[in-house]
Amino acid sequence: MAREKILLGLRIFAFMATLAAAIVMGLNKETKTLVVATIGTTPIKATLTAKFQHTPAFVFFVIANVMVSFHNLLMIVLQIFKPKLEIKCFNLISVAILDMLNASLVSAAANAAAFMAELGKNGNKHAKWNKICDRFAIYCDHGGGALIAAFAGVILMLLISAVSISRLLIHSNKSAAASSPSSLAAVL
């Protein structure tokens, strides 16, 4: 029972972390008017917008975090409203596998977004990619906050995977003990 409450708490926190990461990055947008050139003494200005949609890694980040949030929400609902379901080994296996897949998914998305955030912060002199965080500070700060939430979600999903696997092992050990020949002989 305590393990179920721990798992439920971890899922709730993972749901909140991944949902927060998806929302913050999904709403991340900043528009600025910058001087791009000067002709004589007249500055030429352009209005530029930084959006998460401009970077495929950030789009993947939002989609992956939404998927992991949905998975955790579904597991929370099933755990709360279906406590009297007969637990079968197949269900535990599928939940453990889905938890591991979602941990991998959110980890890949967070790492891809972290790479692009590093590129936005420092640029790449060899590829002649300029940094943008000196011009779009709010955009970069919001992206950093989303990354913190996503990496918290990664840690929580790893913990959830460990608890799911331990539940599976405990259930399989109980099943094996119940069907062993010595327990059958004791019954007869």
N, C-alpha and C. Protein backbone atom coordinates (compact mmCIF):
# COMPACT_ATOMS: atom_id res chain seq x y z
N MET A 1 0.82 -1.20 0.00
CA MET A 1 0.00 0.00 0.00
C MET A 1 0.87 1.26 0.00
N ALA A 2 1.93 1.24 0.79
CA ALA A 2 2.82 2.41 0.84
C ALA A 2 3.50 2.62 -0.51
N ARG A 3 3.85 1.50 -1.17
CA ARG A 3 4.50 1.60 -2.47
C ARG A 3 3.55 2.22 -3.50
N GLU A 4 2.26 1.90 -3.39
CA GLU A 4 1.26 2.47 -4.30
C GLU A 4 1.13 3.98 -4.09
N LYS A 5 1.16 4.41 -2.83
CA LYS A 5 1.06 5.85 -2.54
C LYS A 5 2.30 6.59 -3.02
N ILE A 6 3.47 5.96 -2.86
CA ILE A 6 4.71 6.57 -3.35
C ILE A 6 4.65 6.71 -4.87
N LEU A 7 4.21 5.64 -5.53
CA LEU A 7 4.10 5.67 -6.99
C LEU A 7 3.11 6.73 -7.44
N LEU A 8 1.99 6.84 -6.75
CA LEU A 8 0.99 7.86 -7.10
C LEU A 8 1.58 9.26 -6.92
N GLY A 9 2.27 9.49 -5.82
CA GLY A 9 2.90 10.80 -5.59
C GLY A 9 3.94 11.13 -6.65
N LEU A 10 4.77 10.15 -7.00
CA LEU A 10 5.78 10.36 -8.04
C LEU A 10 5.12 10.68 -9.38
N ARG A 11 4.04 9.96 -9.69
CA ARG A 11 3.34 10.22 -10.96
C ARG A 11 2.72 11.61 -10.99
N ILE A 12 2.16 12.04 -9.86
CA ILE A 12 1.56 13.38 -9.81
C ILE A 12 2.64 14.44 -10.03
N PHE A 13 3.78 14.30 -9.37
CA PHE A 13 4.86 15.27 -9.55
C PHE A 13 5.44 15.22 -10.96
N ALA A 14 5.57 14.01 -11.53
CA ALA A 14 6.07 13.89 -12.90
C ALA A 14 5.09 14.51 -13.88
N PHE A 15 3.80 14.30 -13.64
CA PHE A 15 2.77 14.91 -14.49
C PHE A 15 2.89 16.43 -14.45
N MET A 16 3.01 16.98 -13.24
CA MET A 16 3.10 18.44 -13.11
C MET A 16 4.38 18.98 -13.74
N ALA A 17 5.49 18.28 -13.57
CA ALA A 17 6.77 18.75 -14.12
C ALA A 17 6.75 18.74 -15.64
N THR A 18 6.30 17.64 -16.24
CA THR A 18 6.31 17.56 -17.70
C THR A 18 5.26 18.46 -18.32
N LEU A 19 4.12 18.60 -17.66
CA LEU A 19 3.10 19.52 -18.17
C LEU A 19 3.59 20.97 -18.08
N ALA A 20 4.24 21.32 -16.98
CA ALA A 20 4.78 22.68 -16.85
C ALA A 20 5.84 22.94 -17.91
N ALA A 21 6.70 21.96 -18.17
CA ALA A 21 7.73 22.12 -19.20
C ALA A 21 7.09 22.34 -20.57
N ALA A 22 6.06 21.56 -20.88
CA ALA A 22 5.39 21.69 -22.18
C ALA A 22 4.69 23.04 -22.31
N ILE A 23 4.02 23.48 -21.25
CA ILE A 23 3.29 24.75 -21.31
C ILE A 23 4.25 25.93 -21.43
N VAL A 24 5.29 25.93 -20.60
CA VAL A 24 6.23 27.06 -20.62
C VAL A 24 6.92 27.15 -21.98
N MET A 25 7.37 26.01 -22.51
CA MET A 25 8.03 26.06 -23.82
C MET A 25 7.02 26.34 -24.92
N GLY A 26 5.82 25.79 -24.82
CA GLY A 26 4.80 26.01 -25.85
C GLY A 26 4.35 27.45 -25.94
N LEU A 27 4.40 28.17 -24.85
CA LEU A 27 4.01 29.59 -24.85
C LEU A 27 5.21 30.52 -24.97
N ASN A 28 6.38 29.96 -25.19
CA ASN A 28 7.61 30.75 -25.23
C ASN A 28 7.72 31.52 -26.55
N LYS A 29 7.68 32.84 -26.44
CA LYS A 29 7.74 33.70 -27.62
C LYS A 29 8.21 35.08 -27.17
N GLU A 30 9.08 35.68 -27.95
CA GLU A 30 9.52 37.05 -27.66
C GLU A 30 9.74 37.77 -28.99
N THR A 31 9.25 39.01 -29.06
CA THR A 31 9.40 39.84 -30.25
C THR A 31 10.20 41.08 -29.88
N LYS A 32 11.18 41.40 -30.71
CA LYS A 32 12.01 42.59 -30.48
C LYS A 32 12.25 43.30 -31.79
N THR A 33 12.40 44.61 -31.69
CA THR A 33 12.81 45.41 -32.83
C THR A 33 14.29 45.73 -32.65
N LEU A 34 15.08 45.29 -33.62
CA LEU A 34 16.53 45.44 -33.53
C LEU A 34 17.05 46.27 -34.69
N VAL A 35 18.14 46.97 -34.45
CA VAL A 35 18.83 47.69 -35.52
C VAL A 35 19.69 46.68 -36.26
N VAL A 36 19.42 46.51 -37.56
CA VAL A 36 20.16 45.53 -38.35
C VAL A 36 21.23 46.17 -39.23
N ALA A 37 21.09 47.46 -39.48
CA ALA A 37 22.09 48.17 -40.29
C ALA A 37 21.92 49.67 -40.06
N THR A 38 22.92 50.41 -40.48
CA THR A 38 22.87 51.87 -40.40
C THR A 38 23.33 52.44 -41.73
N ILE A 39 22.49 53.29 -42.31
CA ILE A 39 22.85 53.97 -43.55
C ILE A 39 23.03 55.43 -43.19
N GLY A 40 24.27 55.87 -43.25
CA GLY A 40 24.57 57.23 -42.79
C GLY A 40 24.33 57.29 -41.29
N THR A 41 23.37 58.10 -40.91
CA THR A 41 23.00 58.18 -39.49
C THR A 41 21.61 57.58 -39.24
N THR A 42 21.03 57.01 -40.28
CA THR A 42 19.69 56.44 -40.16
C THR A 42 19.77 54.95 -39.84
N PRO A 43 19.24 54.53 -38.70
CA PRO A 43 19.25 53.10 -38.39
C PRO A 43 18.14 52.37 -39.15
N ILE A 44 18.47 51.21 -39.65
CA ILE A 44 17.50 50.34 -40.30
C ILE A 44 17.10 49.28 -39.27
N LYS A 45 15.80 49.24 -38.96
CA LYS A 45 15.32 48.34 -37.92
C LYS A 45 14.49 47.21 -38.53
N ALA A 46 14.51 46.09 -37.83
CA ALA A 46 13.68 44.94 -38.21
C ALA A 46 13.07 44.35 -36.95
N THR A 47 11.84 43.92 -37.08
CA THR A 47 11.17 43.27 -35.96
C THR A 47 11.35 41.77 -36.11
N LEU A 48 11.97 41.16 -35.12
CA LEU A 48 12.24 39.73 -35.14
C LEU A 48 11.51 39.05 -34.00
N THR A 49 11.07 37.83 -34.25
CA THR A 49 10.35 37.05 -33.24
C THR A 49 11.06 35.73 -33.03
N ALA A 50 11.27 35.38 -31.78
CA ALA A 50 11.81 34.06 -31.42
C ALA A 50 10.65 33.24 -30.87
N LYS A 51 10.37 32.10 -31.51
CA LYS A 51 9.30 31.20 -31.08
C LYS A 51 9.87 29.79 -30.96
N PHE A 52 9.23 28.99 -30.13
CA PHE A 52 9.70 27.61 -30.00
C PHE A 52 9.51 26.85 -31.30
N GLN A 53 8.53 27.23 -32.13
CA GLN A 53 8.26 26.52 -33.38
C GLN A 53 9.39 26.67 -34.40
N HIS A 54 10.27 27.63 -34.19
CA HIS A 54 11.37 27.85 -35.13
C HIS A 54 12.46 26.78 -35.00
N THR A 55 12.43 26.01 -33.94
CA THR A 55 13.47 25.00 -33.70
C THR A 55 12.82 23.63 -33.57
N PRO A 56 13.13 22.70 -34.47
CA PRO A 56 12.52 21.37 -34.40
C PRO A 56 12.77 20.66 -33.06
N ALA A 57 13.91 20.89 -32.44
CA ALA A 57 14.19 20.26 -31.15
C ALA A 57 13.22 20.75 -30.08
N PHE A 58 12.83 22.02 -30.14
CA PHE A 58 11.88 22.55 -29.17
C PHE A 58 10.46 22.03 -29.45
N VAL A 59 10.13 21.83 -30.71
CA VAL A 59 8.83 21.24 -31.06
C VAL A 59 8.77 19.80 -30.53
N PHE A 60 9.83 19.04 -30.75
CA PHE A 60 9.92 17.68 -30.21
C PHE A 60 9.81 17.70 -28.69
N PHE A 61 10.45 18.67 -28.06
CA PHE A 61 10.41 18.83 -26.60
C PHE A 61 8.97 19.00 -26.11
N VAL A 62 8.23 19.87 -26.76
CA VAL A 62 6.84 20.12 -26.35
C VAL A 62 5.98 18.87 -26.56
N ILE A 63 6.10 18.26 -27.72
CA ILE A 63 5.29 17.07 -28.03
C ILE A 63 5.62 15.92 -27.06
N ALA A 64 6.90 15.69 -26.82
CA ALA A 64 7.30 14.60 -25.92
C ALA A 64 6.81 14.84 -24.50
N ASN A 65 6.92 16.08 -24.02
CA ASN A 65 6.46 16.37 -22.66
C ASN A 65 4.94 16.24 -22.54
N VAL A 66 4.22 16.61 -23.59
CA VAL A 66 2.76 16.43 -23.57
C VAL A 66 2.42 14.93 -23.55
N MET A 67 3.14 14.13 -24.34
CA MET A 67 2.88 12.69 -24.36
C MET A 67 3.15 12.06 -23.00
N VAL A 68 4.25 12.43 -22.37
CA VAL A 68 4.59 11.87 -21.05
C VAL A 68 3.59 12.35 -20.00
N SER A 69 3.16 13.60 -20.11
CA SER A 69 2.13 14.11 -19.20
C SER A 69 0.84 13.32 -19.34
N PHE A 70 0.44 13.06 -20.58
CA PHE A 70 -0.77 12.29 -20.82
C PHE A 70 -0.65 10.87 -20.26
N HIS A 71 0.50 10.25 -20.47
CA HIS A 71 0.74 8.91 -19.93
C HIS A 71 0.59 8.92 -18.41
N ASN A 72 1.21 9.88 -17.75
CA ASN A 72 1.13 9.94 -16.29
C ASN A 72 -0.29 10.25 -15.82
N LEU A 73 -0.99 11.12 -16.53
CA LEU A 73 -2.37 11.41 -16.16
C LEU A 73 -3.24 10.16 -16.27
N LEU A 74 -3.06 9.41 -17.34
CA LEU A 74 -3.81 8.17 -17.52
C LEU A 74 -3.49 7.17 -16.41
N MET A 75 -2.22 7.04 -16.07
CA MET A 75 -1.83 6.12 -14.99
C MET A 75 -2.37 6.58 -13.64
N ILE A 76 -2.40 7.88 -13.41
CA ILE A 76 -2.96 8.43 -12.16
C ILE A 76 -4.45 8.10 -12.06
N VAL A 77 -5.16 8.35 -13.15
CA VAL A 77 -6.61 8.08 -13.17
C VAL A 77 -6.87 6.59 -12.94
N LEU A 78 -6.11 5.73 -13.62
CA LEU A 78 -6.29 4.29 -13.43
C LEU A 78 -5.97 3.86 -12.01
N GLN A 79 -4.93 4.45 -11.44
CA GLN A 79 -4.54 4.06 -10.08
C GLN A 79 -5.55 4.54 -9.04
N ILE A 80 -6.14 5.70 -9.25
CA ILE A 80 -7.09 6.24 -8.28
C ILE A 80 -8.46 5.57 -8.42
N PHE A 81 -8.97 5.47 -9.65
CA PHE A 81 -10.34 5.03 -9.85
C PHE A 81 -10.51 3.54 -10.10
N LYS A 82 -9.43 2.82 -10.26
CA LYS A 82 -9.54 1.38 -10.49
C LYS A 82 -8.68 0.60 -9.50
N PRO A 83 -8.79 0.90 -8.20
CA PRO A 83 -7.93 0.19 -7.24
C PRO A 83 -8.30 -1.27 -7.06
N LYS A 84 -9.52 -1.63 -7.41
CA LYS A 84 -9.96 -3.00 -7.19
C LYS A 84 -9.80 -3.87 -8.44
N LEU A 85 -9.09 -3.35 -9.44
CA LEU A 85 -8.83 -4.17 -10.62
C LEU A 85 -7.92 -5.33 -10.23
N GLU A 86 -8.17 -6.44 -10.85
CA GLU A 86 -7.32 -7.59 -10.60
C GLU A 86 -6.00 -7.35 -11.31
N ILE A 87 -4.91 -7.29 -10.55
CA ILE A 87 -3.60 -7.02 -11.14
C ILE A 87 -3.07 -8.32 -11.73
N LYS A 88 -2.78 -8.25 -13.00
CA LYS A 88 -2.21 -9.39 -13.69
C LYS A 88 -0.78 -9.03 -14.07
N CYS A 89 0.04 -10.03 -14.24
CA CYS A 89 1.45 -9.79 -14.55
C CYS A 89 1.60 -9.02 -15.86
N PHE A 90 0.74 -9.30 -16.84
CA PHE A 90 0.84 -8.60 -18.12
C PHE A 90 0.63 -7.10 -17.92
N ASN A 91 -0.31 -6.72 -17.08
CA ASN A 91 -0.54 -5.30 -16.83
C ASN A 91 0.69 -4.64 -16.22
N LEU A 92 1.31 -5.31 -15.26
CA LEU A 92 2.50 -4.76 -14.64
C LEU A 92 3.65 -4.66 -15.63
N ILE A 93 3.77 -5.66 -16.51
CA ILE A 93 4.82 -5.61 -17.52
C ILE A 93 4.59 -4.45 -18.48
N SER A 94 3.37 -4.29 -18.95
CA SER A 94 3.10 -3.21 -19.90
C SER A 94 3.30 -1.84 -19.26
N VAL A 95 2.91 -1.68 -18.00
CA VAL A 95 3.12 -0.40 -17.32
C VAL A 95 4.60 -0.13 -17.14
N ALA A 96 5.38 -1.15 -16.75
CA ALA A 96 6.82 -0.96 -16.57
C ALA A 96 7.49 -0.59 -17.89
N ILE A 97 7.09 -1.26 -18.97
CA ILE A 97 7.67 -0.94 -20.29
C ILE A 97 7.29 0.47 -20.72
N LEU A 98 6.03 0.83 -20.56
CA LEU A 98 5.60 2.19 -20.92
C LEU A 98 6.31 3.25 -20.08
N ASP A 99 6.51 2.97 -18.81
CA ASP A 99 7.24 3.92 -17.96
C ASP A 99 8.67 4.11 -18.45
N MET A 100 9.33 3.00 -18.81
CA MET A 100 10.71 3.11 -19.31
C MET A 100 10.75 3.85 -20.65
N LEU A 101 9.80 3.57 -21.53
CA LEU A 101 9.75 4.27 -22.82
C LEU A 101 9.52 5.76 -22.62
N ASN A 102 8.64 6.12 -21.70
CA ASN A 102 8.38 7.53 -21.46
C ASN A 102 9.56 8.22 -20.79
N ALA A 103 10.28 7.52 -19.93
CA ALA A 103 11.49 8.08 -19.35
C ALA A 103 12.52 8.36 -20.44
N SER A 104 12.64 7.43 -21.38
CA SER A 104 13.56 7.63 -22.51
C SER A 104 13.12 8.78 -23.40
N LEU A 105 11.83 8.86 -23.64
CA LEU A 105 11.30 9.91 -24.51
C LEU A 105 11.53 11.29 -23.93
N VAL A 106 11.19 11.49 -22.67
CA VAL A 106 11.36 12.81 -22.06
C VAL A 106 12.84 13.14 -21.90
N SER A 107 13.68 12.12 -21.69
CA SER A 107 15.12 12.35 -21.60
C SER A 107 15.69 12.80 -22.94
N ALA A 108 15.29 12.14 -24.01
CA ALA A 108 15.76 12.53 -25.34
C ALA A 108 15.31 13.94 -25.69
N ALA A 109 14.07 14.26 -25.38
CA ALA A 109 13.55 15.60 -25.69
C ALA A 109 14.27 16.67 -24.88
N ALA A 110 14.49 16.42 -23.61
CA ALA A 110 15.17 17.40 -22.76
C ALA A 110 16.61 17.60 -23.21
N ASN A 111 17.27 16.53 -23.61
CA ASN A 111 18.65 16.66 -24.06
C ASN A 111 18.75 17.38 -25.41
N ALA A 112 17.83 17.11 -26.31
CA ALA A 112 17.82 17.82 -27.59
C ALA A 112 17.57 19.32 -27.38
N ALA A 113 16.63 19.64 -26.50
CA ALA A 113 16.34 21.05 -26.21
C ALA A 113 17.50 21.71 -25.49
N ALA A 114 18.17 20.97 -24.60
CA ALA A 114 19.33 21.53 -23.89
C ALA A 114 20.46 21.84 -24.87
N PHE A 115 20.65 20.98 -25.87
CA PHE A 115 21.66 21.25 -26.88
C PHE A 115 21.35 22.54 -27.64
N MET A 116 20.09 22.70 -28.04
CA MET A 116 19.72 23.91 -28.77
C MET A 116 19.79 25.15 -27.88
N ALA A 117 19.48 24.98 -26.60
CA ALA A 117 19.59 26.11 -25.66
C ALA A 117 21.04 26.54 -25.51
N GLU A 118 21.95 25.57 -25.45
CA GLU A 118 23.38 25.88 -25.38
C GLU A 118 23.83 26.61 -26.63
N LEU A 119 23.33 26.18 -27.76
CA LEU A 119 23.66 26.84 -29.03
C LEU A 119 23.11 28.26 -29.05
N GLY A 120 21.90 28.46 -28.54
CA GLY A 120 21.32 29.79 -28.48
C GLY A 120 22.05 30.70 -27.51
N LYS A 121 22.58 30.12 -26.46
CA LYS A 121 23.28 30.92 -25.45
C LYS A 121 24.68 31.31 -25.90
N ASN A 122 25.42 30.36 -26.49
CA ASN A 122 26.83 30.61 -26.83
C ASN A 122 27.12 30.65 -28.32
N GLY A 123 26.20 30.20 -29.14
CA GLY A 123 26.45 30.15 -30.57
C GLY A 123 27.48 29.08 -30.91
N ASN A 124 27.93 29.09 -32.17
CA ASN A 124 28.98 28.18 -32.62
C ASN A 124 29.85 28.95 -33.59
N LYS A 125 31.02 29.34 -33.13
CA LYS A 125 31.91 30.17 -33.96
C LYS A 125 32.38 29.44 -35.20
N HIS A 126 32.60 28.13 -35.10
CA HIS A 126 33.10 27.37 -36.24
C HIS A 126 32.06 27.28 -37.35
N ALA A 127 30.80 27.13 -36.99
CA ALA A 127 29.73 27.06 -37.98
C ALA A 127 29.17 28.44 -38.31
N LYS A 128 29.68 29.46 -37.63
CA LYS A 128 29.24 30.85 -37.79
C LYS A 128 27.75 31.01 -37.43
N TRP A 129 27.34 30.32 -36.36
CA TRP A 129 25.99 30.48 -35.83
C TRP A 129 26.08 31.44 -34.66
N ASN A 130 25.35 32.53 -34.76
CA ASN A 130 25.40 33.54 -33.71
C ASN A 130 24.52 33.15 -32.53
N LYS A 131 24.91 33.62 -31.36
CA LYS A 131 24.08 33.40 -30.18
C LYS A 131 22.89 34.36 -30.24
N ILE A 132 21.78 33.96 -29.63
CA ILE A 132 20.59 34.82 -29.64
C ILE A 132 20.15 35.24 -28.25
N CYS A 133 20.69 34.60 -27.23
CA CYS A 133 20.22 34.89 -25.87
C CYS A 133 20.61 36.29 -25.40
N ASP A 134 21.60 36.89 -26.04
CA ASP A 134 21.93 38.27 -25.67
C ASP A 134 20.87 39.24 -26.21
N ARG A 135 20.11 38.83 -27.22
CA ARG A 135 19.06 39.68 -27.78
C ARG A 135 17.66 39.28 -27.30
N PHE A 136 17.45 38.00 -27.05
CA PHE A 136 16.15 37.48 -26.62
C PHE A 136 16.28 36.84 -25.24
N ALA A 137 16.56 37.64 -24.25
CA ALA A 137 16.83 37.14 -22.89
C ALA A 137 15.61 36.48 -22.26
N ILE A 138 14.44 37.06 -22.43
CA ILE A 138 13.22 36.50 -21.83
C ILE A 138 12.92 35.14 -22.45
N TYR A 139 13.06 35.04 -23.76
CA TYR A 139 12.84 33.77 -24.47
C TYR A 139 13.78 32.69 -23.92
N CYS A 140 15.03 33.04 -23.74
CA CYS A 140 16.01 32.07 -23.24
C CYS A 140 15.75 31.72 -21.78
N ASP A 141 15.33 32.69 -20.97
CA ASP A 141 15.02 32.41 -19.57
C ASP A 141 13.83 31.46 -19.45
N HIS A 142 12.81 31.68 -20.25
CA HIS A 142 11.64 30.78 -20.23
C HIS A 142 12.03 29.38 -20.70
N GLY A 143 12.87 29.32 -21.73
CA GLY A 143 13.35 28.02 -22.20
C GLY A 143 14.16 27.30 -21.13
N GLY A 144 14.96 28.05 -20.39
CA GLY A 144 15.73 27.45 -19.30
C GLY A 144 14.83 26.91 -18.20
N GLY A 145 13.78 27.65 -17.88
CA GLY A 145 12.81 27.16 -16.89
C GLY A 145 12.12 25.89 -17.35
N ALA A 146 11.77 25.84 -18.63
CA ALA A 146 11.14 24.63 -19.17
C ALA A 146 12.11 23.45 -19.11
N LEU A 147 13.38 23.71 -19.36
CA LEU A 147 14.38 22.64 -19.28
C LEU A 147 14.54 22.12 -17.85
N ILE A 148 14.52 23.02 -16.88
CA ILE A 148 14.62 22.59 -15.48
C ILE A 148 13.44 21.68 -15.13
N ALA A 149 12.25 22.09 -15.52
CA ALA A 149 11.06 21.27 -15.25
C ALA A 149 11.16 19.92 -15.96
N ALA A 150 11.66 19.92 -17.20
CA ALA A 150 11.76 18.67 -17.95
C ALA A 150 12.78 17.73 -17.33
N PHE A 151 13.92 18.26 -16.88
CA PHE A 151 14.91 17.38 -16.25
C PHE A 151 14.42 16.87 -14.90
N ALA A 152 13.60 17.65 -14.20
CA ALA A 152 12.95 17.13 -12.99
C ALA A 152 12.01 15.99 -13.38
N GLY A 153 11.31 16.15 -14.50
CA GLY A 153 10.45 15.08 -15.01
C GLY A 153 11.23 13.83 -15.38
N VAL A 154 12.43 14.02 -15.94
CA VAL A 154 13.28 12.87 -16.28
C VAL A 154 13.63 12.08 -15.02
N ILE A 155 14.07 12.80 -13.99
CA ILE A 155 14.44 12.13 -12.73
C ILE A 155 13.24 11.40 -12.14
N LEU A 156 12.09 12.06 -12.15
CA LEU A 156 10.88 11.43 -11.60
C LEU A 156 10.47 10.21 -12.42
N MET A 157 10.58 10.29 -13.75
CA MET A 157 10.22 9.14 -14.58
C MET A 157 11.19 7.98 -14.36
N LEU A 158 12.46 8.27 -14.10
CA LEU A 158 13.40 7.19 -13.78
C LEU A 158 13.02 6.52 -12.46
N LEU A 159 12.64 7.32 -11.48
CA LEU A 159 12.19 6.76 -10.20
C LEU A 159 10.91 5.94 -10.37
N ILE A 160 9.99 6.45 -11.17
CA ILE A 160 8.75 5.72 -11.45
C ILE A 160 9.05 4.39 -12.13
N SER A 161 9.99 4.40 -13.08
CA SER A 161 10.38 3.16 -13.75
C SER A 161 10.95 2.16 -12.76
N ALA A 162 11.78 2.63 -11.84
CA ALA A 162 12.36 1.73 -10.83
C ALA A 162 11.28 1.14 -9.94
N VAL A 163 10.32 1.96 -9.52
CA VAL A 163 9.23 1.45 -8.68
C VAL A 163 8.36 0.47 -9.47
N SER A 164 8.09 0.77 -10.74
CA SER A 164 7.28 -0.14 -11.56
C SER A 164 7.97 -1.49 -11.73
N ILE A 165 9.27 -1.46 -11.95
CA ILE A 165 10.01 -2.72 -12.10
C ILE A 165 10.02 -3.49 -10.78
N SER A 166 10.19 -2.78 -9.67
CA SER A 166 10.18 -3.48 -8.38
C SER A 166 8.81 -4.09 -8.09
N ARG A 167 7.74 -3.40 -8.47
CA ARG A 167 6.39 -3.97 -8.33
C ARG A 167 6.26 -5.24 -9.15
N LEU A 168 6.78 -5.20 -10.37
CA LEU A 168 6.73 -6.37 -11.24
C LEU A 168 7.50 -7.54 -10.64
N LEU A 169 8.69 -7.26 -10.11
CA LEU A 169 9.50 -8.32 -9.52
C LEU A 169 8.84 -8.91 -8.28
N ILE A 170 8.29 -8.06 -7.44
CA ILE A 170 7.61 -8.54 -6.24
C ILE A 170 6.41 -9.41 -6.61
N HIS A 171 5.64 -8.96 -7.60
CA HIS A 171 4.46 -9.73 -8.03
C HIS A 171 4.88 -11.06 -8.65
N SER A 172 5.95 -11.06 -9.46
CA SER A 172 6.38 -12.31 -10.08
C SER A 172 6.96 -13.26 -9.04
N ASN A 173 7.64 -12.74 -8.01
CA ASN A 173 8.15 -13.60 -6.94
C ASN A 173 7.01 -14.22 -6.14
N LYS A 174 5.96 -13.44 -5.88
CA LYS A 174 4.80 -13.98 -5.17
C LYS A 174 4.11 -15.05 -6.01
N SER A 175 4.01 -14.82 -7.32
CA SER A 175 3.38 -15.80 -8.21
C SER A 175 4.21 -17.07 -8.27
N ALA A 176 5.54 -16.92 -8.32
CA ALA A 176 6.41 -18.09 -8.40
C ALA A 176 6.35 -18.88 -7.10
N ALA A 177 6.29 -18.19 -5.97
CA ALA A 177 6.22 -18.88 -4.68
C ALA A 177 4.90 -19.62 -4.53
N ALA A 178 3.84 -19.04 -5.05
CA ALA A 178 2.52 -19.67 -4.94
C ALA A 178 2.41 -20.92 -5.81
N SER A 179 3.15 -20.95 -6.91
CA SER A 179 3.04 -22.09 -7.82
C SER A 179 4.20 -23.08 -7.69
N SER A 180 5.07 -22.91 -6.69
CA SER A 180 6.20 -23.83 -6.53
C SER A 180 5.70 -25.18 -6.02
N PRO A 181 6.44 -26.27 -6.31
CA PRO A 181 6.01 -27.61 -5.87
C PRO A 181 5.91 -27.74 -4.36
N SER A 182 6.77 -27.09 -3.61
CA SER A 182 6.71 -27.21 -2.15
C SER A 182 5.43 -26.61 -1.60
N SER A 183 4.97 -25.51 -2.20
CA SER A 183 3.71 -24.92 -1.72
C SER A 183 2.52 -25.78 -2.14
N LEU A 184 2.63 -26.46 -3.29
CA LEU A 184 1.57 -27.37 -3.70
C LEU A 184 1.51 -28.58 -2.77
N ALA A 185 2.67 -29.09 -2.37
CA ALA A 185 2.71 -30.24 -1.47
C ALA A 185 2.14 -29.88 -0.10
N ALA A 186 2.37 -28.65 0.33
CA ALA A 186 1.84 -28.23 1.62
C ALA A 186 0.32 -28.14 1.58
N VAL A 187 -0.21 -27.76 0.42
CA VAL A 187 -1.66 -27.65 0.27
C VAL A 187 -2.29 -29.04 0.27
N LEU A 188 -1.61 -30.02 -0.39
CA LEU A 188 -2.16 -31.39 -0.47
C LEU A 188 -1.96 -32.07 0.84
